[in-house]
Amino acid sequence: MCLAVPGRVLDIEERDGTRMATVDFGGVVKEVCLEYLPDLQVGEYAIVHVGFALQRLDEESAKQTLELFAEMGLLQEEFGDPWELAAEAGPVTGHTGEDTVEEVRK
């Protein structure tokens, strides 16, 4: 699943002519493009989707949404380490890893 997640801008810089920010999503920090919100400032919140800040958001709404996402496990699902998540899920039952192409097609 790919969510639009609220985050707080920690710092802003220009890289190769593109305005970029370091954004905190409830403890997970990612780089985000600010081209759609050129006037966004450090300390403000924005809704971010696939690495782009799309809409400014007030602090209270952002914090409520982040808390809700955390309770539902959506932040881990969205930002967690995929290898760690796969390990937590455990092995696929009934699969030996030795299937032939014909067996898989059945």
PDB file of N, CA and C in Angstrom:
ATOM      1  N   MET A   1       0.854  -1.169   0.000  1.00  0.00           N
ATOM      2  CA  MET A   1       0.000   0.000   0.000  1.00  0.00           C
ATOM      3  C   MET A   1       0.899   1.231   0.000  1.00  0.00           C
ATOM      4  N   CYS A   2       0.453   2.261  -0.638  1.00  0.00           N
ATOM      5  CA  CYS A   2       1.217   3.495  -0.685  1.00  0.00           C
ATOM      6  C   CYS A   2       0.341   4.615  -0.130  1.00  0.00           C
ATOM      7  N   LEU A   3       0.741   5.160   1.000  1.00  0.00           N
ATOM      8  CA  LEU A   3      -0.053   6.171   1.683  1.00  0.00           C
ATOM      9  C   LEU A   3       0.466   7.574   1.421  1.00  0.00           C
ATOM     10  N   ALA A   4      -0.392   8.549   1.606  1.00  0.00           N
ATOM     11  CA  ALA A   4       0.036   9.938   1.728  1.00  0.00           C
ATOM     12  C   ALA A   4       0.161  10.168   3.225  1.00  0.00           C
ATOM     13  N   VAL A   5       1.368  10.499   3.681  1.00  0.00           N
ATOM     14  CA  VAL A   5       1.666  10.552   5.109  1.00  0.00           C
ATOM     15  C   VAL A   5       2.087  11.963   5.499  1.00  0.00           C
ATOM     16  N   PRO A   6       1.568  12.473   6.624  1.00  0.00           N
ATOM     17  CA  PRO A   6       2.006  13.793   7.075  1.00  0.00           C
ATOM     18  C   PRO A   6       3.398  13.725   7.697  1.00  0.00           C
ATOM     19  N   GLY A   7       4.184  14.761   7.429  1.00  0.00           N
ATOM     20  CA  GLY A   7       5.521  14.835   8.001  1.00  0.00           C
ATOM     21  C   GLY A   7       5.899  16.270   8.289  1.00  0.00           C
ATOM     22  N   ARG A   8       6.874  16.427   9.195  1.00  0.00           N
ATOM     23  CA  ARG A   8       7.348  17.754   9.612  1.00  0.00           C
ATOM     24  C   ARG A   8       8.685  18.042   8.943  1.00  0.00           C
ATOM     25  N   VAL A   9       8.798  19.212   8.346  1.00  0.00           N
ATOM     26  CA  VAL A   9      10.016  19.609   7.655  1.00  0.00           C
ATOM     27  C   VAL A   9      11.094  19.954   8.677  1.00  0.00           C
ATOM     28  N   LEU A  10      12.232  19.252   8.577  1.00  0.00           N
ATOM     29  CA  LEU A  10      13.353  19.497   9.484  1.00  0.00           C
ATOM     30  C   LEU A  10      14.351  20.488   8.899  1.00  0.00           C
ATOM     31  N   ASP A  11      14.636  20.372   7.617  1.00  0.00           N
ATOM     32  CA  ASP A  11      15.503  21.338   6.947  1.00  0.00           C
ATOM     33  C   ASP A  11      15.223  21.333   5.457  1.00  0.00           C
ATOM     34  N   ILE A  12      15.661  22.402   4.803  1.00  0.00           N
ATOM     35  CA  ILE A  12      15.411  22.584   3.378  1.00  0.00           C
ATOM     36  C   ILE A  12      16.715  22.992   2.710  1.00  0.00           C
ATOM     37  N   GLU A  13      16.955  22.449   1.521  1.00  0.00           N
ATOM     38  CA  GLU A  13      18.116  22.847   0.729  1.00  0.00           C
ATOM     39  C   GLU A  13      17.789  22.684  -0.744  1.00  0.00           C
ATOM     40  N   GLU A  14      18.579  23.319  -1.569  1.00  0.00           N
ATOM     41  CA  GLU A  14      18.406  23.178  -3.006  1.00  0.00           C
ATOM     42  C   GLU A  14      19.469  22.231  -3.522  1.00  0.00           C
ATOM     43  N   ARG A  15      19.024  21.236  -4.289  1.00  0.00           N
ATOM     44  CA  ARG A  15      19.943  20.263  -4.882  1.00  0.00           C
ATOM     45  C   ARG A  15      19.708  20.207  -6.376  1.00  0.00           C
ATOM     46  N   ASP A  16      20.720  20.545  -7.138  1.00  0.00           N
ATOM     47  CA  ASP A  16      20.627  20.512  -8.598  1.00  0.00           C
ATOM     48  C   ASP A  16      19.400  21.271  -9.100  1.00  0.00           C
ATOM     49  N   GLY A  17      19.118  22.419  -8.486  1.00  0.00           N
ATOM     50  CA  GLY A  17      17.997  23.251  -8.917  1.00  0.00           C
ATOM     51  C   GLY A  17      16.644  22.817  -8.394  1.00  0.00           C
ATOM     52  N   THR A  18      16.608  21.815  -7.525  1.00  0.00           N
ATOM     53  CA  THR A  18      15.342  21.312  -6.968  1.00  0.00           C
ATOM     54  C   THR A  18      15.311  21.551  -5.468  1.00  0.00           C
ATOM     55  N   ARG A  19      14.240  22.114  -4.992  1.00  0.00           N
ATOM     56  CA  ARG A  19      14.070  22.370  -3.555  1.00  0.00           C
ATOM     57  C   ARG A  19      13.703  21.061  -2.861  1.00  0.00           C
ATOM     58  N   MET A  20      14.566  20.621  -1.938  1.00  0.00           N
ATOM     59  CA  MET A  20      14.388  19.355  -1.231  1.00  0.00           C
ATOM     60  C   MET A  20      14.356  19.604   0.270  1.00  0.00           C
ATOM     61  N   ALA A  21      13.676  18.695   0.980  1.00  0.00           N
ATOM     62  CA  ALA A  21      13.581  18.814   2.441  1.00  0.00           C
ATOM     63  C   ALA A  21      13.859  17.470   3.088  1.00  0.00           C
ATOM     64  N   THR A  22      14.377  17.534   4.296  1.00  0.00           N
ATOM     65  CA  THR A  22      14.445  16.369   5.163  1.00  0.00           C
ATOM     66  C   THR A  22      13.187  16.428   6.011  1.00  0.00           C
ATOM     67  N   VAL A  23      12.391  15.363   5.971  1.00  0.00           N
ATOM     68  CA  VAL A  23      11.077  15.365   6.625  1.00  0.00           C
ATOM     69  C   VAL A  23      10.985  14.202   7.607  1.00  0.00           C
ATOM     70  N   ASP A  24      10.442  14.508   8.797  1.00  0.00           N
ATOM     71  CA  ASP A  24      10.259  13.513   9.862  1.00  0.00           C
ATOM     72  C   ASP A  24       8.814  13.027   9.849  1.00  0.00           C
ATOM     73  N   PHE A  25       8.657  11.716   9.665  1.00  0.00           N
ATOM     74  CA  PHE A  25       7.339  11.075   9.668  1.00  0.00           C
ATOM     75  C   PHE A  25       7.198  10.267  10.951  1.00  0.00           C
ATOM     76  N   GLY A  26       7.066  10.928  12.071  1.00  0.00           N
ATOM     77  CA  GLY A  26       6.897  10.225  13.335  1.00  0.00           C
ATOM     78  C   GLY A  26       8.092   9.356  13.705  1.00  0.00           C
ATOM     79  N   GLY A  27       9.287   9.834  13.427  1.00  0.00           N
ATOM     80  CA  GLY A  27      10.497   9.096  13.771  1.00  0.00           C
ATOM     81  C   GLY A  27      11.233   8.516  12.574  1.00  0.00           C
ATOM     82  N   VAL A  28      10.587   8.449  11.451  1.00  0.00           N
ATOM     83  CA  VAL A  28      11.227   7.995  10.212  1.00  0.00           C
ATOM     84  C   VAL A  28      11.540   9.243   9.396  1.00  0.00           C
ATOM     85  N   VAL A  29      12.809   9.404   9.014  1.00  0.00           N
ATOM     86  CA  VAL A  29      13.229  10.599   8.292  1.00  0.00           C
ATOM     87  C   VAL A  29      13.533  10.243   6.844  1.00  0.00           C
ATOM     88  N   LYS A  30      12.942  11.018   5.928  1.00  0.00           N
ATOM     89  CA  LYS A  30      13.115  10.782   4.493  1.00  0.00           C
ATOM     90  C   LYS A  30      13.358  12.104   3.775  1.00  0.00           C
ATOM     91  N   GLU A  31      13.933  12.006   2.567  1.00  0.00           N
ATOM     92  CA  GLU A  31      14.111  13.161   1.701  1.00  0.00           C
ATOM     93  C   GLU A  31      12.850  13.340   0.854  1.00  0.00           C
ATOM     94  N   VAL A  32      12.405  14.599   0.706  1.00  0.00           N
ATOM     95  CA  VAL A  32      11.149  14.902   0.024  1.00  0.00           C
ATOM     96  C   VAL A  32      11.346  16.096  -0.911  1.00  0.00           C
ATOM     97  N   CYS A  33      10.749  16.020  -2.078  1.00  0.00           N
ATOM     98  CA  CYS A  33      10.776  17.115  -3.042  1.00  0.00           C
ATOM     99  C   CYS A  33       9.697  18.136  -2.688  1.00  0.00           C
ATOM    100  N   LEU A  34      10.064  19.431  -2.713  1.00  0.00           N
ATOM    101  CA  LEU A  34       9.126  20.502  -2.359  1.00  0.00           C
ATOM    102  C   LEU A  34       8.644  21.310  -3.565  1.00  0.00           C
ATOM    103  N   GLU A  35       8.838  20.818  -4.753  1.00  0.00           N
ATOM    104  CA  GLU A  35       8.486  21.585  -5.946  1.00  0.00           C
ATOM    105  C   GLU A  35       7.004  21.949  -6.014  1.00  0.00           C
ATOM    106  N   TYR A  36       6.121  21.149  -5.446  1.00  0.00           N
ATOM    107  CA  TYR A  36       4.689  21.462  -5.468  1.00  0.00           C
ATOM    108  C   TYR A  36       4.282  22.427  -4.348  1.00  0.00           C
ATOM    109  N   LEU A  37       5.150  22.591  -3.355  1.00  0.00           N
ATOM    110  CA  LEU A  37       4.903  23.531  -2.252  1.00  0.00           C
ATOM    111  C   LEU A  37       6.140  24.410  -2.069  1.00  0.00           C
ATOM    112  N   PRO A  38       6.404  25.306  -2.998  1.00  0.00           N
ATOM    113  CA  PRO A  38       7.655  26.071  -2.972  1.00  0.00           C
ATOM    114  C   PRO A  38       7.804  27.004  -1.773  1.00  0.00           C
ATOM    115  N   ASP A  39       6.709  27.343  -1.089  1.00  0.00           N
ATOM    116  CA  ASP A  39       6.806  28.246   0.056  1.00  0.00           C
ATOM    117  C   ASP A  39       6.776  27.519   1.404  1.00  0.00           C
ATOM    118  N   LEU A  40       6.808  26.192   1.408  1.00  0.00           N
ATOM    119  CA  LEU A  40       6.822  25.428   2.662  1.00  0.00           C
ATOM    120  C   LEU A  40       8.096  25.751   3.435  1.00  0.00           C
ATOM    121  N   GLN A  41       7.975  25.903   4.752  1.00  0.00           N
ATOM    122  CA  GLN A  41       9.099  26.314   5.589  1.00  0.00           C
ATOM    123  C   GLN A  41       9.454  25.248   6.621  1.00  0.00           C
ATOM    124  N   VAL A  42      10.669  25.352   7.153  1.00  0.00           N
ATOM    125  CA  VAL A  42      11.115  24.461   8.227  1.00  0.00           C
ATOM    126  C   VAL A  42      10.143  24.578   9.393  1.00  0.00           C
ATOM    127  N   GLY A  43       9.763  23.414   9.956  1.00  0.00           N
ATOM    128  CA  GLY A  43       8.833  23.371  11.082  1.00  0.00           C
ATOM    129  C   GLY A  43       7.389  23.148  10.676  1.00  0.00           C
ATOM    130  N   GLU A  44       7.072  23.378   9.402  1.00  0.00           N
ATOM    131  CA  GLU A  44       5.705  23.160   8.935  1.00  0.00           C
ATOM    132  C   GLU A  44       5.496  21.696   8.577  1.00  0.00           C
ATOM    133  N   TYR A  45       4.228  21.323   8.478  1.00  0.00           N
ATOM    134  CA  TYR A  45       3.842  19.954   8.138  1.00  0.00           C
ATOM    135  C   TYR A  45       3.254  19.922   6.732  1.00  0.00           C
ATOM    136  N   ALA A  46       3.458  18.802   6.069  1.00  0.00           N
ATOM    137  CA  ALA A  46       2.884  18.611   4.745  1.00  0.00           C
ATOM    138  C   ALA A  46       2.495  17.148   4.582  1.00  0.00           C
ATOM    139  N   ILE A  47       1.537  16.928   3.721  1.00  0.00           N
ATOM    140  CA  ILE A  47       1.187  15.563   3.337  1.00  0.00           C
ATOM    141  C   ILE A  47       2.106  15.183   2.186  1.00  0.00           C
ATOM    142  N   VAL A  48       2.760  14.030   2.324  1.00  0.00           N
ATOM    143  CA  VAL A  48       3.750  13.585   1.347  1.00  0.00           C
ATOM    144  C   VAL A  48       3.302  12.268   0.739  1.00  0.00           C
ATOM    145  N   HIS A  49       3.429  12.190  -0.578  1.00  0.00           N
ATOM    146  CA  HIS A  49       3.100  10.958  -1.295  1.00  0.00           C
ATOM    147  C   HIS A  49       4.200  10.699  -2.313  1.00  0.00           C
ATOM    148  N   VAL A  50       4.716   9.496  -2.334  1.00  0.00           N
ATOM    149  CA  VAL A  50       5.803   9.044  -3.203  1.00  0.00           C
ATOM    150  C   VAL A  50       6.931  10.068  -3.333  1.00  0.00           C
ATOM    151  N   GLY A  51       7.317  10.650  -2.196  1.00  0.00           N
ATOM    152  CA  GLY A  51       8.464  11.540  -2.165  1.00  0.00           C
ATOM    153  C   GLY A  51       8.203  12.981  -2.525  1.00  0.00           C
ATOM    154  N   PHE A  52       6.937  13.375  -2.697  1.00  0.00           N
ATOM    155  CA  PHE A  52       6.587  14.751  -3.024  1.00  0.00           C
ATOM    156  C   PHE A  52       5.654  15.325  -1.964  1.00  0.00           C
ATOM    157  N   ALA A  53       5.984  16.506  -1.446  1.00  0.00           N
ATOM    158  CA  ALA A  53       5.086  17.222  -0.538  1.00  0.00           C
ATOM    159  C   ALA A  53       3.955  17.796  -1.383  1.00  0.00           C
ATOM    160  N   LEU A  54       2.716  17.432  -1.046  1.00  0.00           N
ATOM    161  CA  LEU A  54       1.576  17.802  -1.888  1.00  0.00           C
ATOM    162  C   LEU A  54       0.674  18.878  -1.299  1.00  0.00           C
ATOM    163  N   GLN A  55       0.581  18.897   0.042  1.00  0.00           N
ATOM    164  CA  GLN A  55      -0.355  19.836   0.662  1.00  0.00           C
ATOM    165  C   GLN A  55       0.122  20.174   2.063  1.00  0.00           C
ATOM    166  N   ARG A  56       0.030  21.445   2.426  1.00  0.00           N
ATOM    167  CA  ARG A  56       0.371  21.899   3.774  1.00  0.00           C
ATOM    168  C   ARG A  56      -0.701  21.386   4.736  1.00  0.00           C
ATOM    169  N   LEU A  57      -0.284  21.079   5.964  1.00  0.00           N
ATOM    170  CA  LEU A  57      -1.200  20.528   6.960  1.00  0.00           C
ATOM    171  C   LEU A  57      -0.888  21.167   8.304  1.00  0.00           C
ATOM    172  N   ASP A  58      -1.916  21.440   9.100  1.00  0.00           N
ATOM    173  CA  ASP A  58      -1.667  22.013  10.424  1.00  0.00           C
ATOM    174  C   ASP A  58      -1.099  20.944  11.360  1.00  0.00           C
ATOM    175  N   GLU A  59      -0.361  21.399  12.377  1.00  0.00           N
ATOM    176  CA  GLU A  59       0.355  20.501  13.280  1.00  0.00           C
ATOM    177  C   GLU A  59      -0.573  19.523  13.999  1.00  0.00           C
ATOM    178  N   GLU A  60      -1.695  19.992  14.496  1.00  0.00           N
ATOM    179  CA  GLU A  60      -2.605  19.117  15.242  1.00  0.00           C
ATOM    180  C   GLU A  60      -3.123  17.971  14.370  1.00  0.00           C
ATOM    181  N   SER A  61      -3.556  18.300  13.160  1.00  0.00           N
ATOM    182  CA  SER A  61      -4.053  17.269  12.239  1.00  0.00           C
ATOM    183  C   SER A  61      -2.952  16.275  11.884  1.00  0.00           C
ATOM    184  N   ALA A  62      -1.748  16.788  11.660  1.00  0.00           N
ATOM    185  CA  ALA A  62      -0.622  15.921  11.314  1.00  0.00           C
ATOM    186  C   ALA A  62      -0.316  14.944  12.443  1.00  0.00           C
ATOM    187  N   LYS A  63      -0.254  15.444  13.670  1.00  0.00           N
ATOM    188  CA  LYS A  63       0.062  14.583  14.811  1.00  0.00           C
ATOM    189  C   LYS A  63      -1.029  13.542  15.048  1.00  0.00           C
ATOM    190  N   GLN A  64      -2.287  13.927  14.909  1.00  0.00           N
ATOM    191  CA  GLN A  64      -3.388  12.971  15.078  1.00  0.00           C
ATOM    192  C   GLN A  64      -3.310  11.866  14.032  1.00  0.00           C
ATOM    193  N   THR A  65      -3.029  12.256  12.804  1.00  0.00           N
ATOM    194  CA  THR A  65      -2.938  11.277  11.725  1.00  0.00           C
ATOM    195  C   THR A  65      -1.761  10.338  11.931  1.00  0.00           C
ATOM    196  N   LEU A  66      -0.603  10.877  12.320  1.00  0.00           N
ATOM    197  CA  LEU A  66       0.564  10.033  12.571  1.00  0.00           C
ATOM    198  C   LEU A  66       0.302   9.044  13.707  1.00  0.00           C
ATOM    199  N   GLU A  67      -0.369   9.492  14.770  1.00  0.00           N
ATOM    200  CA  GLU A  67      -0.704   8.595  15.881  1.00  0.00           C
ATOM    201  C   GLU A  67      -1.626   7.478  15.416  1.00  0.00           C
ATOM    202  N   LEU A  68      -2.620   7.824  14.631  1.00  0.00           N
ATOM    203  CA  LEU A  68      -3.557   6.833  14.113  1.00  0.00           C
ATOM    204  C   LEU A  68      -2.842   5.832  13.208  1.00  0.00           C
ATOM    205  N   PHE A  69      -2.003   6.319  12.296  1.00  0.00           N
ATOM    206  CA  PHE A  69      -1.233   5.434  11.422  1.00  0.00           C
ATOM    207  C   PHE A  69      -0.346   4.509  12.232  1.00  0.00           C
ATOM    208  N   ALA A  70       0.297   5.039  13.284  1.00  0.00           N
ATOM    209  CA  ALA A  70       1.174   4.221  14.126  1.00  0.00           C
ATOM    210  C   ALA A  70       0.374   3.132  14.838  1.00  0.00           C
ATOM    211  N   GLU A  71      -0.789   3.478  15.385  1.00  0.00           N
ATOM    212  CA  GLU A  71      -1.639   2.500  16.068  1.00  0.00           C
ATOM    213  C   GLU A  71      -2.058   1.375  15.126  1.00  0.00           C
ATOM    214  N   MET A  72      -2.313   1.718  13.887  1.00  0.00           N
ATOM    215  CA  MET A  72      -2.761   0.736  12.908  1.00  0.00           C
ATOM    216  C   MET A  72      -1.596  -0.032  12.267  1.00  0.00           C
ATOM    217  N   GLY A  73      -0.369   0.360  12.613  1.00  0.00           N
ATOM    218  CA  GLY A  73       0.794  -0.308  12.043  1.00  0.00           C
ATOM    219  C   GLY A  73       1.105   0.125  10.622  1.00  0.00           C
ATOM    220  N   LEU A  74       0.463   1.185  10.158  1.00  0.00           N
ATOM    221  CA  LEU A  74       0.648   1.619   8.779  1.00  0.00           C
ATOM    222  C   LEU A  74       1.996   2.289   8.550  1.00  0.00           C
ATOM    223  N   LEU A  75       2.550   2.936   9.571  1.00  0.00           N
ATOM    224  CA  LEU A  75       3.860   3.559   9.396  1.00  0.00           C
ATOM    225  C   LEU A  75       4.929   2.497   9.186  1.00  0.00           C
ATOM    226  N   GLN A  76       4.857   1.416   9.952  1.00  0.00           N
ATOM    227  CA  GLN A  76       5.817   0.324   9.782  1.00  0.00           C
ATOM    228  C   GLN A  76       5.644  -0.315   8.408  1.00  0.00           C
ATOM    229  N   GLU A  77       4.387  -0.481   7.999  1.00  0.00           N
ATOM    230  CA  GLU A  77       4.111  -1.071   6.688  1.00  0.00           C
ATOM    231  C   GLU A  77       4.650  -0.179   5.569  1.00  0.00           C
ATOM    232  N   GLU A  78       4.486   1.124   5.728  1.00  0.00           N
ATOM    233  CA  GLU A  78       4.898   2.063   4.683  1.00  0.00           C
ATOM    234  C   GLU A  78       6.399   2.293   4.670  1.00  0.00           C
ATOM    235  N   PHE A  79       7.017   2.413   5.861  1.00  0.00           N
ATOM    236  CA  PHE A  79       8.417   2.805   5.947  1.00  0.00           C
ATOM    237  C   PHE A  79       9.350   1.724   6.469  1.00  0.00           C
ATOM    238  N   GLY A  80       8.799   0.604   6.926  1.00  0.00           N
ATOM    239  CA  GLY A  80       9.629  -0.425   7.535  1.00  0.00           C
ATOM    240  C   GLY A  80      10.578  -1.087   6.551  1.00  0.00           C
ATOM    241  N   ASP A  81      11.563  -1.752   7.085  1.00  0.00           N
ATOM    242  CA  ASP A  81      12.529  -2.503   6.288  1.00  0.00           C
ATOM    243  C   ASP A  81      11.820  -3.718   5.685  1.00  0.00           C
ATOM    244  N   PRO A  82      11.762  -3.831   4.346  1.00  0.00           N
ATOM    245  CA  PRO A  82      11.017  -4.939   3.734  1.00  0.00           C
ATOM    246  C   PRO A  82      11.570  -6.308   4.107  1.00  0.00           C
ATOM    247  N   TRP A  83      12.878  -6.421   4.318  1.00  0.00           N
ATOM    248  CA  TRP A  83      13.466  -7.710   4.713  1.00  0.00           C
ATOM    249  C   TRP A  83      13.044  -8.080   6.129  1.00  0.00           C
ATOM    250  N   GLU A  84      13.004  -7.076   6.999  1.00  0.00           N
ATOM    251  CA  GLU A  84      12.567  -7.315   8.382  1.00  0.00           C
ATOM    252  C   GLU A  84      11.092  -7.720   8.407  1.00  0.00           C
ATOM    253  N   LEU A  85      10.270  -7.036   7.618  1.00  0.00           N
ATOM    254  CA  LEU A  85       8.845  -7.368   7.555  1.00  0.00           C
ATOM    255  C   LEU A  85       8.628  -8.781   7.034  1.00  0.00           C
ATOM    256  N   ALA A  86       9.402  -9.180   6.026  1.00  0.00           N
ATOM    257  CA  ALA A  86       9.282 -10.535   5.480  1.00  0.00           C
ATOM    258  C   ALA A  86       9.696 -11.571   6.516  1.00  0.00           C
ATOM    259  N   ALA A  87      10.746 -11.281   7.272  1.00  0.00           N
ATOM    260  CA  ALA A  87      11.202 -12.212   8.304  1.00  0.00           C
ATOM    261  C   ALA A  87      10.145 -12.368   9.400  1.00  0.00           C
ATOM    262  N   GLU A  88       9.485 -11.255   9.748  1.00  0.00           N
ATOM    263  CA  GLU A  88       8.435 -11.313  10.764  1.00  0.00           C
ATOM    264  C   GLU A  88       7.248 -12.144  10.290  1.00  0.00           C
ATOM    265  N   ALA A  89       6.983 -12.108   8.997  1.00  0.00           N
ATOM    266  CA  ALA A  89       5.859 -12.865   8.442  1.00  0.00           C
ATOM    267  C   ALA A  89       6.126 -14.363   8.492  1.00  0.00           C
ATOM    268  N   GLY A  90       7.397 -14.752   8.481  1.00  0.00           N
ATOM    269  CA  GLY A  90       7.754 -16.164   8.549  1.00  0.00           C
ATOM    270  C   GLY A  90       7.680 -16.843   7.205  1.00  0.00           C
ATOM    271  N   PRO A  91       8.027 -18.120   7.174  1.00  0.00           N
ATOM    272  CA  PRO A  91       8.043 -18.848   5.899  1.00  0.00           C
ATOM    273  C   PRO A  91       6.638 -19.109   5.381  1.00  0.00           C
ATOM    274  N   VAL A  92       6.543 -19.271   4.087  1.00  0.00           N
ATOM    275  CA  VAL A  92       5.274 -19.626   3.466  1.00  0.00           C
ATOM    276  C   VAL A  92       5.052 -21.102   3.732  1.00  0.00           C
ATOM    277  N   THR A  93       3.931 -21.459   4.347  1.00  0.00           N
ATOM    278  CA  THR A  93       3.686 -22.852   4.705  1.00  0.00           C
ATOM    279  C   THR A  93       3.428 -23.700   3.477  1.00  0.00           C
ATOM    280  N   GLY A  94       3.926 -24.901   3.507  1.00  0.00           N
ATOM    281  CA  GLY A  94       3.711 -25.845   2.430  1.00  0.00           C
ATOM    282  C   GLY A  94       4.608 -25.630   1.232  1.00  0.00           C
ATOM    283  N   HIS A  95       5.530 -24.691   1.306  1.00  0.00           N
ATOM    284  CA  HIS A  95       6.415 -24.417   0.167  1.00  0.00           C
ATOM    285  C   HIS A  95       7.820 -24.884   0.516  1.00  0.00           C
ATOM    286  N   THR A  96       8.357 -25.763  -0.324  1.00  0.00           N
ATOM    287  CA  THR A  96       9.697 -26.290  -0.073  1.00  0.00           C
ATOM    288  C   THR A  96      10.773 -25.528  -0.812  1.00  0.00           C
ATOM    289  N   GLY A  97      10.350 -24.698  -1.774  1.00  0.00           N
ATOM    290  CA  GLY A  97      11.322 -23.968  -2.569  1.00  0.00           C
ATOM    291  C   GLY A  97      11.858 -24.790  -3.716  1.00  0.00           C
ATOM    292  N   GLU A  98      11.311 -25.994  -3.920  1.00  0.00           N
ATOM    293  CA  GLU A  98      11.810 -26.884  -4.958  1.00  0.00           C
ATOM    294  C   GLU A  98      10.782 -27.123  -6.062  1.00  0.00           C
ATOM    295  N   ASP A  99       9.819 -26.240  -6.185  1.00  0.00           N
ATOM    296  CA  ASP A  99       8.795 -26.409  -7.214  1.00  0.00           C
ATOM    297  C   ASP A  99       9.403 -26.281  -8.606  1.00  0.00           C
ATOM    298  N   THR A 100       8.912 -27.114  -9.499  1.00  0.00           N
ATOM    299  CA  THR A 100       9.294 -26.971 -10.895  1.00  0.00           C
ATOM    300  C   THR A 100       8.358 -25.982 -11.550  1.00  0.00           C
ATOM    301  N   VAL A 101       8.695 -25.523 -12.725  1.00  0.00           N
ATOM    302  CA  VAL A 101       7.843 -24.593 -13.453  1.00  0.00           C
ATOM    303  C   VAL A 101       6.464 -25.191 -13.659  1.00  0.00           C
ATOM    304  N   GLU A 102       6.388 -26.480 -13.971  1.00  0.00           N
ATOM    305  CA  GLU A 102       5.103 -27.126 -14.194  1.00  0.00           C
ATOM    306  C   GLU A 102       4.257 -27.112 -12.920  1.00  0.00           C
ATOM    307  N   GLU A 103       4.873 -27.341 -11.763  1.00  0.00           N
ATOM    308  CA  GLU A 103       4.119 -27.363 -10.504  1.00  0.00           C
ATOM    309  C   GLU A 103       3.589 -25.982 -10.188  1.00  0.00           C
ATOM    310  N   VAL A 104       4.367 -24.960 -10.470  1.00  0.00           N
ATOM    311  CA  VAL A 104       3.929 -23.588 -10.190  1.00  0.00           C
ATOM    312  C   VAL A 104       2.761 -23.215 -11.076  1.00  0.00           C
ATOM    313  N   ARG A 105       2.767 -23.672 -12.308  1.00  0.00           N
ATOM    314  CA  ARG A 105       1.694 -23.329 -13.262  1.00  0.00           C
ATOM    315  C   ARG A 105       0.372 -23.980 -12.891  1.00  0.00           C
ATOM    316  N   LYS A 106       0.363 -25.050 -12.098  1.00  0.00           N
ATOM    317  CA  LYS A 106      -0.879 -25.758 -11.749  1.00  0.00           C
ATOM    318  C   LYS A 106      -1.791 -24.948 -10.923  1.00  0.00           C
TER     319      LYS A 106
END
